Amino acid sequence: ISTYYNPTSQVTTFPSLLYSTHSFTFLCPFPIPNMPAASAAAAAEPSPISGQTICVTGAGGFIASWMVKLLLEKGYTVRGTLRNPDDAKNGHLKELEGAKERLTLHKVDLLDLNSVKAAVHGCHGVFHTASPVTDNPEEMVEPAVNGAKNVIIAAAEANVRRVVFTSSIGAVYMDPKRSVDVEVDESCWSDLEFCKNTKNWYCYGKAVAEQAAWDIAKEKEVDLVVVNPVLVLGPLLQPTINASTIHILKYLTGSAKTYANATQAYVHVRDVALAHILVYEKPSASGRYLCAESSLHRGELVEILAKYFPEYPIPTKCSDEKNPRVKPHIFSNKKLKDLGLEFTPVSQCLYETVKSLQEQGHIPVPKKDDSLAVKS
């Protein structure tokens, strides 16, 4: 039995349904849940802040594109900042529903305070999700810190009601002194000395940039809320492949012959975007919010991929068969759940990621009927 899914309605669906996003349509073996509680409430009772202007930095990115999409759907006016608004890779933003009426794209250098001030002026809120792009991770730290400072200084001068900062789980969990059996929550921070000594510049940079954001927000009396996502997957809106999606792609192309004895936590990109909107709209939201659905060992990951996509050369052997399976970290998502966010199951997230890669031509689409590849 199949039925059509309307993203704006609260429809109870059947095991097979036509699921659509901005750029693709496919048969999905999962029942798409009703709208998350927060979204349903917002639909039933229009928020008094709908129609306001939100500035989204780095608007063409994987997560930011979904923020722009969902903000437009809710009725917000969106001001997106980009290094080059005319770059073809940002063209998908102009095709989003509501973009012609309520989306403007601005060329902004986040390291130029005046440039940032011009973009933020007149906005009611700011979602700061842009991060430096560099071939040398060590070089990302200083621009990430300065970019965050400039955004918050600009927000203070513009009297925005709240800044939502996209940090990372990398700023939270990297601490060798913390047992894997201890739940990681919003009170946890990565050990900066350990990150430096192990040259883990990603986690170091994320932690330093977030701490700098908190410091300048306190100094400037800016209402700051932070979202810390784990590895983000889900359908691509942009035409390019982002770093987190490569994590899955290598298991589908045959480039990975084995899987590592390692674990990873995952979350759907739509849930991350919803989390940002939720913490912006809820007056009671404060502090940090870990954004994670669940953690998987790489062995569990490839099993899910092979279950739904057996036609791809997905590895079946672990590169480390001598040692016991590494235990996953336990990440708390209670704060976001308490705000009403319902997380998309990781299996559905993985399925939608692969289908998106197929739709955009990043991996070959099997010639046989898709539905035959889906096992119950």
Protein backbone atom coordinates (compact mmCIF):
# COMPACT_ATOMS: atom_id res chain seq x y z
CA ILE A 1 0.00 0.00 0.00
CA SER A 2 1.34 3.44 -0.87
CA THR A 3 0.24 6.95 -0.14
CA TYR A 4 1.64 10.36 -0.94
CA TYR A 5 3.44 12.34 1.72
CA ASN A 6 2.75 16.04 2.00
CA PRO A 7 5.50 17.69 4.08
CA THR A 8 3.03 20.30 5.32
CA SER A 9 0.41 17.85 6.57
CA GLN A 10 0.27 15.48 9.51
CA VAL A 11 -0.37 12.27 7.62
CA THR A 12 0.11 8.81 9.03
CA THR A 13 1.91 6.93 6.28
CA PHE A 14 2.31 3.35 5.16
CA PRO A 15 5.49 1.28 4.82
CA SER A 16 6.06 2.36 1.23
CA LEU A 17 5.46 5.92 0.19
CA LEU A 18 6.54 8.58 -2.24
CA TYR A 19 8.87 10.88 -0.35
CA SER A 20 9.96 14.17 -1.88
CA THR A 21 12.44 16.91 -1.08
CA HIS A 22 13.37 19.95 -3.09
CA SER A 23 15.42 18.02 -5.62
CA PHE A 24 14.44 14.36 -5.67
CA THR A 25 11.65 11.85 -5.30
CA PHE A 26 11.94 8.21 -4.33
CA LEU A 27 10.19 5.26 -2.79
CA CYS A 28 11.02 5.10 0.89
CA PRO A 29 10.70 1.88 2.96
CA PHE A 30 10.18 3.81 6.18
CA PRO A 31 7.03 5.35 7.60
CA ILE A 32 7.78 9.07 7.61
CA PRO A 33 6.76 10.26 11.09
CA ASN A 34 4.23 12.99 11.65
CA MET A 35 5.69 16.45 11.86
CA PRO A 36 8.03 16.86 14.86
CA ALA A 37 6.08 18.09 17.84
CA ALA A 38 7.66 21.52 17.68
CA SER A 39 6.85 21.89 14.00
CA ALA A 40 3.29 20.65 14.49
CA ALA A 41 2.71 23.16 17.25
CA ALA A 42 4.11 25.94 15.11
CA ALA A 43 1.81 24.96 12.25
CA ALA A 44 -1.25 24.91 14.51
CA GLU A 45 -0.40 28.18 16.26
CA PRO A 46 1.60 30.56 14.04
CA SER A 47 4.59 31.92 15.91
CA PRO A 48 4.51 35.65 16.62
CA ILE A 49 8.05 35.88 15.21
CA SER A 50 7.19 34.34 11.83
CA GLY A 51 7.87 36.75 9.01
CA GLN A 52 10.93 38.20 10.69
CA THR A 53 14.34 38.35 8.99
CA ILE A 54 17.00 35.79 9.81
CA CYS A 55 20.60 36.06 8.61
CA VAL A 56 22.14 32.66 7.78
CA THR A 57 25.90 32.71 7.31
CA GLY A 58 27.45 30.31 4.82
CA ALA A 59 23.98 29.80 3.34
CA GLY A 60 25.10 27.47 0.55
CA GLY A 61 26.43 24.77 2.86
CA PHE A 62 24.86 21.39 3.58
CA ILE A 63 23.26 22.29 6.91
CA ALA A 64 22.70 25.97 6.10
CA SER A 65 20.83 25.15 2.88
CA TRP A 66 18.32 23.16 4.93
CA MET A 67 18.05 26.04 7.40
CA VAL A 68 17.22 28.41 4.54
CA LYS A 69 14.69 25.92 3.12
CA LEU A 70 12.85 25.41 6.41
CA LEU A 71 12.96 29.08 7.41
CA LEU A 72 11.39 30.05 4.08
CA GLU A 73 8.73 27.37 4.52
CA LYS A 74 7.84 28.84 7.91
CA GLY A 75 7.41 32.31 6.43
CA TYR A 76 10.65 33.96 7.49
CA THR A 77 12.56 36.38 5.29
CA VAL A 78 16.10 35.05 4.94
CA ARG A 79 19.31 36.93 4.28
CA GLY A 80 22.02 34.47 3.25
CA THR A 81 25.72 35.31 3.32
CA LEU A 82 28.12 33.72 0.85
CA ARG A 83 31.67 34.24 -0.33
CA ASN A 84 30.32 34.39 -3.89
CA PRO A 85 26.54 34.52 -4.38
CA ASP A 86 26.97 34.17 -8.16
CA ASP A 87 28.79 30.83 -7.92
CA ALA A 88 26.76 28.12 -9.67
CA LYS A 89 27.09 25.86 -6.63
CA ASN A 90 24.77 28.25 -4.76
CA GLY A 91 22.09 28.23 -7.45
CA HIS A 92 19.94 25.72 -5.58
CA LEU A 93 19.06 28.37 -2.99
CA LYS A 94 17.27 30.49 -5.58
CA GLU A 95 15.08 27.51 -6.51
CA LEU A 96 13.73 26.96 -2.99
CA GLU A 97 10.06 27.61 -2.37
CA GLY A 98 9.62 31.21 -1.28
CA ALA A 99 13.12 32.23 -2.37
CA LYS A 100 11.98 34.71 -5.02
CA GLU A 101 9.89 36.59 -2.50
CA ARG A 102 11.86 36.28 0.75
CA LEU A 103 15.49 35.29 0.12
CA THR A 104 18.37 37.64 -0.62
CA LEU A 105 21.98 36.53 -1.01
CA HIS A 106 24.85 38.78 0.02
CA LYS A 107 28.57 38.64 -0.64
CA VAL A 108 30.16 38.73 2.79
CA ASP A 109 33.68 38.22 4.11
CA LEU A 110 33.24 37.05 7.70
CA LEU A 111 36.71 38.34 8.56
CA ASP A 112 35.66 41.86 7.54
CA LEU A 113 33.60 43.28 10.41
CA ASN A 114 31.99 46.00 8.31
CA SER A 115 30.94 43.41 5.74
CA VAL A 116 29.30 41.34 8.47
CA LYS A 117 27.62 44.38 10.02
CA ALA A 118 26.00 45.26 6.70
CA ALA A 119 24.57 41.74 6.37
CA VAL A 120 23.25 41.54 9.93
CA HIS A 121 21.81 45.07 10.10
CA GLY A 122 18.02 44.94 10.27
CA CYS A 123 17.85 41.22 11.11
CA HIS A 124 15.93 39.84 14.06
CA GLY A 125 18.14 36.77 14.43
CA VAL A 126 21.36 35.24 13.15
CA PHE A 127 22.21 31.59 12.47
CA HIS A 128 25.99 31.45 12.28
CA THR A 129 26.87 28.21 10.54
CA ALA A 130 29.69 29.27 8.20
CA SER A 131 33.12 27.83 8.88
CA PRO A 132 36.50 28.44 7.20
CA VAL A 133 37.51 26.30 4.24
CA THR A 134 41.21 25.47 4.12
CA ASP A 135 43.47 22.63 3.02
CA ASN A 136 45.37 23.00 6.29
CA PRO A 137 43.08 22.31 9.27
CA GLU A 138 45.53 24.05 11.60
CA GLU A 139 44.91 27.28 9.71
CA MET A 140 41.15 27.16 10.31
CA VAL A 141 41.35 28.04 14.01
CA GLU A 142 42.08 31.77 13.84
CA PRO A 143 39.58 32.62 11.07
CA ALA A 144 36.90 30.52 12.78
CA VAL A 145 37.40 32.45 16.01
CA ASN A 146 37.52 35.85 14.33
CA GLY A 147 34.50 35.07 12.16
CA ALA A 148 32.45 34.10 15.21
CA LYS A 149 33.53 37.25 17.05
CA ASN A 150 32.60 39.47 14.12
CA VAL A 151 29.15 37.90 13.82
CA ILE A 152 28.40 38.43 17.51
CA ILE A 153 29.75 41.99 17.53
CA ALA A 154 27.57 42.76 14.50
CA ALA A 155 24.59 41.09 16.16
CA ALA A 156 25.08 43.19 19.29
CA GLU A 157 25.10 46.43 17.30
CA ALA A 158 22.01 45.33 15.36
CA ASN A 159 20.16 44.40 18.57
CA VAL A 160 19.16 40.97 17.26
CA ARG A 161 17.00 38.96 19.66
CA ARG A 162 19.16 35.82 19.50
CA VAL A 163 22.20 34.32 17.78
CA VAL A 164 22.22 30.57 17.14
CA PHE A 165 25.75 29.28 16.63
CA THR A 166 26.47 26.00 14.85
CA SER A 167 29.29 24.34 16.76
CA SER A 168 30.09 20.62 16.66
CA ILE A 169 30.30 17.51 18.76
CA GLY A 170 34.02 17.98 18.16
CA ALA A 171 33.94 20.76 20.75
CA VAL A 172 32.34 18.42 23.27
CA TYR A 173 33.55 14.84 23.45
CA MET A 174 37.30 14.68 22.74
CA ASP A 175 38.61 13.95 26.23
CA PRO A 176 40.71 10.83 26.92
CA LYS A 177 39.98 11.07 30.65
CA ARG A 178 36.25 10.53 30.11
CA SER A 179 35.14 6.89 30.03
CA VAL A 180 33.18 5.78 26.98
CA ASP A 181 30.55 4.51 29.43
CA VAL A 182 29.90 8.03 30.75
CA GLU A 183 27.13 9.88 28.94
CA VAL A 184 28.33 12.95 27.08
CA ASP A 185 26.06 15.95 27.65
CA GLU A 186 26.11 19.72 27.24
CA SER A 187 28.43 20.20 30.22
CA CYS A 188 31.28 18.38 28.49
CA TRP A 189 34.14 20.05 26.62
CA SER A 190 36.95 18.65 24.52
CA ASP A 191 40.40 18.68 26.12
CA LEU A 192 42.30 21.38 24.22
CA GLU A 193 45.77 20.17 25.21
CA PHE A 194 44.94 16.64 24.11
CA CYS A 195 43.59 17.95 20.79
CA LYS A 196 46.76 19.98 20.20
CA ASN A 197 49.07 17.14 21.15
CA THR A 198 47.26 14.74 18.82
CA LYS A 199 46.97 17.44 16.10
CA ASN A 200 43.22 17.08 16.08
CA TRP A 201 42.79 20.59 14.74
CA TYR A 202 39.16 20.08 13.83
CA CYS A 203 38.06 19.44 17.43
CA TYR A 204 40.51 22.02 18.73
CA GLY A 205 39.23 24.67 16.34
CA LYS A 206 35.57 23.94 17.05
CA ALA A 207 36.11 24.11 20.82
CA VAL A 208 38.16 27.32 20.68
CA ALA A 209 35.71 29.01 18.29
CA GLU A 210 32.72 28.10 20.43
CA GLN A 211 34.39 29.27 23.62
CA ALA A 212 35.30 32.54 21.91
CA ALA A 213 31.66 32.93 20.87
CA TRP A 214 30.50 32.45 24.46
CA ASP A 215 33.08 34.93 25.74
CA ILE A 216 32.25 37.71 23.28
CA ALA A 217 28.49 37.08 23.67
CA LYS A 218 28.80 37.56 27.42
CA GLU A 219 30.87 40.71 26.94
CA LYS A 220 28.43 42.18 24.40
CA GLU A 221 25.32 40.89 26.24
CA VAL A 222 24.11 38.93 23.23
CA ASP A 223 21.60 36.10 23.72
CA LEU A 224 23.57 33.15 22.33
CA VAL A 225 22.40 29.55 21.96
CA VAL A 226 24.66 26.82 20.54
CA VAL A 227 23.80 23.62 18.67
CA ASN A 228 26.42 20.85 18.67
CA PRO A 229 25.61 18.29 15.96
CA VAL A 230 27.30 14.95 15.51
CA LEU A 231 28.04 13.70 11.95
CA VAL A 232 25.26 15.09 9.77
CA LEU A 233 23.77 13.06 6.93
CA GLY A 234 20.63 13.20 4.80
CA PRO A 235 19.48 14.47 1.41
CA LEU A 236 21.68 17.00 -0.36
CA LEU A 237 20.11 20.25 -1.48
CA GLN A 238 23.37 21.61 -2.87
CA PRO A 239 24.92 20.05 -6.02
CA THR A 240 28.29 19.32 -4.40
CA ILE A 241 29.20 16.50 -2.02
CA ASN A 242 30.03 17.66 1.49
CA ALA A 243 32.62 16.11 3.78
CA SER A 244 30.19 14.18 5.97
CA THR A 245 28.54 12.51 2.97
CA ILE A 246 31.92 11.22 1.79
CA HIS A 247 31.84 9.16 4.99
CA ILE A 248 29.04 7.10 3.38
CA LEU A 249 30.07 7.39 -0.26
CA LYS A 250 33.30 5.43 0.19
CA TYR A 251 31.33 2.35 1.24
CA LEU A 252 29.21 2.49 -1.92
CA THR A 253 31.89 3.05 -4.57
CA GLY A 254 34.20 0.20 -3.63
CA SER A 255 37.01 2.52 -2.55
CA ALA A 256 36.73 1.14 1.00
CA LYS A 257 37.54 -2.57 1.00
CA THR A 258 37.11 -2.93 4.76
CA TYR A 259 35.47 -0.95 7.55
CA ALA A 260 37.26 0.39 10.60
CA ASN A 261 36.84 -0.81 14.16
CA ALA A 262 35.36 2.54 15.10
CA THR A 263 32.08 4.22 15.99
CA GLN A 264 30.26 7.33 14.87
CA ALA A 265 27.15 9.21 15.99
CA TYR A 266 24.71 10.40 13.34
CA VAL A 267 21.88 12.88 12.92
CA HIS A 268 19.62 13.86 10.01
CA VAL A 269 20.35 17.25 8.42
CA ARG A 270 16.67 18.18 8.58
CA ASP A 271 16.70 17.58 12.34
CA VAL A 272 19.77 19.81 12.73
CA ALA A 273 18.08 22.62 10.81
CA LEU A 274 14.89 22.16 12.85
CA ALA A 275 16.94 22.25 16.04
CA HIS A 276 18.33 25.66 15.12
CA ILE A 277 14.88 27.05 14.39
CA LEU A 278 13.50 25.51 17.56
CA VAL A 279 16.13 27.01 19.87
CA TYR A 280 15.72 30.36 18.13
CA GLU A 281 11.96 30.44 18.56
CA LYS A 282 11.70 29.04 22.08
CA PRO A 283 12.25 31.88 24.58
CA SER A 284 13.24 29.33 27.24
CA ALA A 285 16.07 27.86 25.14
CA SER A 286 19.52 28.56 26.53
CA GLY A 287 23.04 27.20 26.57
CA ARG A 288 24.20 24.30 24.43
CA TYR A 289 22.17 21.58 22.70
CA LEU A 290 23.71 18.29 21.62
CA CYS A 291 22.09 17.16 18.38
CA ALA A 292 22.45 13.38 17.94
CA GLU A 293 20.12 10.54 17.07
CA SER A 294 22.24 7.47 17.78
CA SER A 295 25.73 6.00 17.52
CA LEU A 296 26.73 3.07 15.32
CA HIS A 297 29.77 0.90 15.01
CA ARG A 298 31.05 0.87 11.43
CA GLY A 299 29.96 -2.76 11.27
CA GLU A 300 26.38 -1.75 12.05
CA LEU A 301 26.60 1.05 9.50
CA VAL A 302 27.63 -1.22 6.62
CA GLU A 303 24.98 -3.77 7.63
CA ILE A 304 22.27 -1.12 7.25
CA LEU A 305 23.68 0.02 3.92
CA ALA A 306 23.90 -3.55 2.63
CA LYS A 307 20.35 -4.28 3.77
CA TYR A 308 18.85 -1.53 1.65
CA PHE A 309 21.45 -1.33 -1.11
CA PRO A 310 22.89 -4.83 -1.67
CA GLU A 311 23.77 -3.93 -5.27
CA TYR A 312 26.76 -1.85 -4.12
CA PRO A 313 30.21 -3.27 -3.16
CA ILE A 314 29.77 -2.57 0.55
CA PRO A 315 32.61 -4.04 2.64
CA THR A 316 31.86 -6.96 4.93
CA LYS A 317 35.19 -7.28 6.76
CA CYS A 318 36.63 -5.18 9.55
CA SER A 319 40.18 -3.91 9.16
CA ASP A 320 40.81 -4.87 12.80
CA GLU A 321 39.52 -8.35 13.55
CA LYS A 322 41.92 -9.01 16.42
CA ASN A 323 40.51 -6.58 18.95
CA PRO A 324 36.99 -6.38 20.43
CA ARG A 325 34.53 -4.00 18.84
CA VAL A 326 35.03 -0.43 20.00
CA LYS A 327 32.18 0.77 22.19
CA PRO A 328 30.25 3.85 21.03
CA HIS A 329 30.02 7.08 22.96
CA ILE A 330 26.66 7.81 24.54
CA PHE A 331 25.40 11.27 23.61
CA SER A 332 22.49 12.88 25.41
CA ASN A 333 19.81 14.50 23.25
CA LYS A 334 17.42 15.10 26.14
CA LYS A 335 17.53 18.89 25.96
CA LEU A 336 16.35 18.97 22.34
CA LYS A 337 13.76 16.27 22.96
CA ASP A 338 12.43 18.28 25.88
CA LEU A 339 11.92 21.19 23.47
CA GLY A 340 9.83 18.89 21.29
CA LEU A 341 12.23 17.71 18.58
CA GLU A 342 11.59 14.18 17.30
CA PHE A 343 14.69 12.67 15.74
CA THR A 344 14.68 10.79 12.45
CA PRO A 345 15.85 7.15 12.90
CA VAL A 346 19.42 6.64 11.73
CA SER A 347 18.39 3.86 9.31
CA GLN A 348 16.02 6.24 7.54
CA CYS A 349 18.72 8.91 7.53
CA LEU A 350 21.17 6.55 5.81
CA TYR A 351 18.57 5.45 3.27
CA GLU A 352 17.71 9.03 2.33
CA THR A 353 21.40 9.92 2.03
CA VAL A 354 22.05 7.17 -0.51
CA LYS A 355 18.90 7.90 -2.50
CA SER A 356 19.94 11.55 -2.70
CA LEU A 357 23.38 10.56 -3.97
CA GLN A 358 21.67 8.48 -6.65
CA GLU A 359 19.28 11.26 -7.63
CA GLN A 360 22.09 13.77 -8.01
CA GLY A 361 24.21 11.40 -10.08
CA HIS A 362 27.01 10.96 -7.56
CA ILE A 363 26.61 7.18 -7.65
CA PRO A 364 25.07 4.98 -10.36
CA VAL A 365 21.41 4.09 -9.98
CA PRO A 366 20.70 0.34 -10.16
CA LYS A 367 18.84 -0.67 -13.30
CA LYS A 368 16.50 -2.97 -11.41
CA ASP A 369 13.44 -1.55 -9.71
CA ASP A 370 14.41 0.27 -6.49
CA SER A 371 11.64 -1.39 -4.53
CA LEU A 372 13.16 -4.80 -5.19
CA ALA A 373 16.32 -3.73 -3.45
CA VAL A 374 14.51 -2.80 -0.27
CA LYS A 375 14.24 -5.63 2.19
CA SER A 376 11.86 -5.66 5.09
